[in-house]
N, C-alpha and C. Protein backbone atom coordinates (compact mmCIF):
# COMPACT_ATOMS: atom_id res chain seq x y z
N THR A 1 107.17 76.29 106.81
CA THR A 1 106.21 75.33 107.38
C THR A 1 106.92 74.34 108.28
N VAL A 2 106.17 73.61 109.06
CA VAL A 2 106.76 72.63 109.97
C VAL A 2 107.52 71.57 109.19
N ARG A 3 106.94 71.13 108.07
CA ARG A 3 107.60 70.07 107.28
C ARG A 3 108.96 70.56 106.79
N GLU A 4 109.00 71.79 106.28
CA GLU A 4 110.28 72.33 105.79
C GLU A 4 111.28 72.41 106.93
N TRP A 5 110.81 72.83 108.12
CA TRP A 5 111.70 72.94 109.28
C TRP A 5 112.25 71.57 109.65
N LEU A 6 111.37 70.56 109.64
CA LEU A 6 111.80 69.20 109.97
C LEU A 6 112.82 68.72 108.95
N LEU A 7 112.56 68.97 107.67
CA LEU A 7 113.50 68.54 106.63
C LEU A 7 114.85 69.22 106.83
N ARG A 8 114.82 70.49 107.16
CA ARG A 8 116.09 71.21 107.37
C ARG A 8 116.80 70.66 108.59
N ARG A 9 116.04 70.34 109.64
CA ARG A 9 116.65 69.76 110.84
C ARG A 9 117.32 68.44 110.48
N GLU A 10 116.63 67.61 109.70
CA GLU A 10 117.20 66.32 109.33
C GLU A 10 118.48 66.51 108.53
N SER A 11 118.48 67.47 107.62
CA SER A 11 119.66 67.69 106.77
C SER A 11 120.79 68.30 107.58
N ASN A 12 120.46 69.10 108.60
CA ASN A 12 121.49 69.77 109.41
C ASN A 12 121.57 69.16 110.80
N LEU A 13 121.00 67.96 110.96
CA LEU A 13 120.98 67.34 112.29
C LEU A 13 122.40 67.13 112.81
N GLY A 14 123.29 66.65 111.96
CA GLY A 14 124.67 66.40 112.38
C GLY A 14 125.33 67.68 112.87
N LEU A 15 125.15 68.78 112.13
CA LEU A 15 125.78 70.04 112.53
C LEU A 15 125.20 70.53 113.85
N GLU A 16 123.88 70.45 114.00
CA GLU A 16 123.25 70.93 115.23
C GLU A 16 123.74 70.13 116.42
N ILE A 17 123.85 68.81 116.25
CA ILE A 17 124.30 67.96 117.36
C ILE A 17 125.74 68.29 117.72
N SER A 18 126.59 68.41 116.72
CA SER A 18 128.01 68.67 116.99
C SER A 18 128.18 70.03 117.66
N ILE A 19 127.28 70.98 117.38
CA ILE A 19 127.40 72.32 117.95
C ILE A 19 126.74 72.39 119.33
N HIS A 20 125.51 71.87 119.43
CA HIS A 20 124.76 72.00 120.68
C HIS A 20 125.09 70.87 121.65
N CYS A 21 125.19 69.65 121.16
CA CYS A 21 125.43 68.51 122.04
C CYS A 21 126.60 67.68 121.52
N PRO A 22 127.83 68.16 121.68
CA PRO A 22 128.99 67.42 121.19
C PRO A 22 129.15 66.09 121.91
N CYS A 23 128.60 65.99 123.14
CA CYS A 23 128.75 64.75 123.90
C CYS A 23 127.81 63.69 123.34
N HIS A 24 126.74 64.11 122.65
CA HIS A 24 125.78 63.15 122.11
C HIS A 24 126.03 62.97 120.62
N THR A 25 126.60 61.84 120.25
CA THR A 25 126.87 61.56 118.84
C THR A 25 126.12 60.31 118.42
N PHE A 26 125.37 60.40 117.32
CA PHE A 26 124.60 59.26 116.85
C PHE A 26 125.52 58.24 116.18
N GLN A 27 125.94 57.24 116.94
CA GLN A 27 126.81 56.19 116.41
C GLN A 27 126.22 54.83 116.78
N PRO A 28 126.72 53.75 116.18
CA PRO A 28 126.23 52.41 116.49
C PRO A 28 126.26 52.14 117.99
N ASN A 29 127.21 52.74 118.72
CA ASN A 29 127.31 52.54 120.16
C ASN A 29 126.86 53.79 120.90
N GLY A 30 126.01 54.59 120.28
CA GLY A 30 125.53 55.82 120.91
C GLY A 30 124.79 55.53 122.21
N ASP A 31 124.00 54.44 122.22
CA ASP A 31 123.27 54.10 123.44
C ASP A 31 124.23 53.82 124.59
N ILE A 32 125.33 53.14 124.29
CA ILE A 32 126.30 52.81 125.34
C ILE A 32 126.90 54.10 125.90
N LEU A 33 127.24 55.03 125.01
CA LEU A 33 127.82 56.29 125.47
C LEU A 33 126.83 57.04 126.36
N GLU A 34 125.54 57.05 125.96
CA GLU A 34 124.53 57.74 126.75
C GLU A 34 124.40 57.09 128.12
N ASN A 35 124.43 55.75 128.16
CA ASN A 35 124.32 55.04 129.44
C ASN A 35 125.48 55.41 130.34
N ILE A 36 126.67 55.50 129.79
CA ILE A 36 127.85 55.85 130.59
C ILE A 36 127.67 57.26 131.16
N HIS A 37 127.18 58.19 130.36
CA HIS A 37 126.98 59.56 130.84
C HIS A 37 125.92 59.58 131.94
N GLU A 38 124.87 58.76 131.79
CA GLU A 38 123.81 58.74 132.79
C GLU A 38 124.34 58.23 134.12
N VAL A 39 125.21 57.22 134.07
CA VAL A 39 125.76 56.66 135.30
C VAL A 39 126.80 57.64 135.85
């Protein structure tokens, strides 16, 4: 179900990000890093 998929995404969110988007890391200064990449 969608809920189960969402729960799995949340539990494996870190792995998915590190594999698919290594440049995007959810950190306290994540917004700053994203802004730098945008510029």
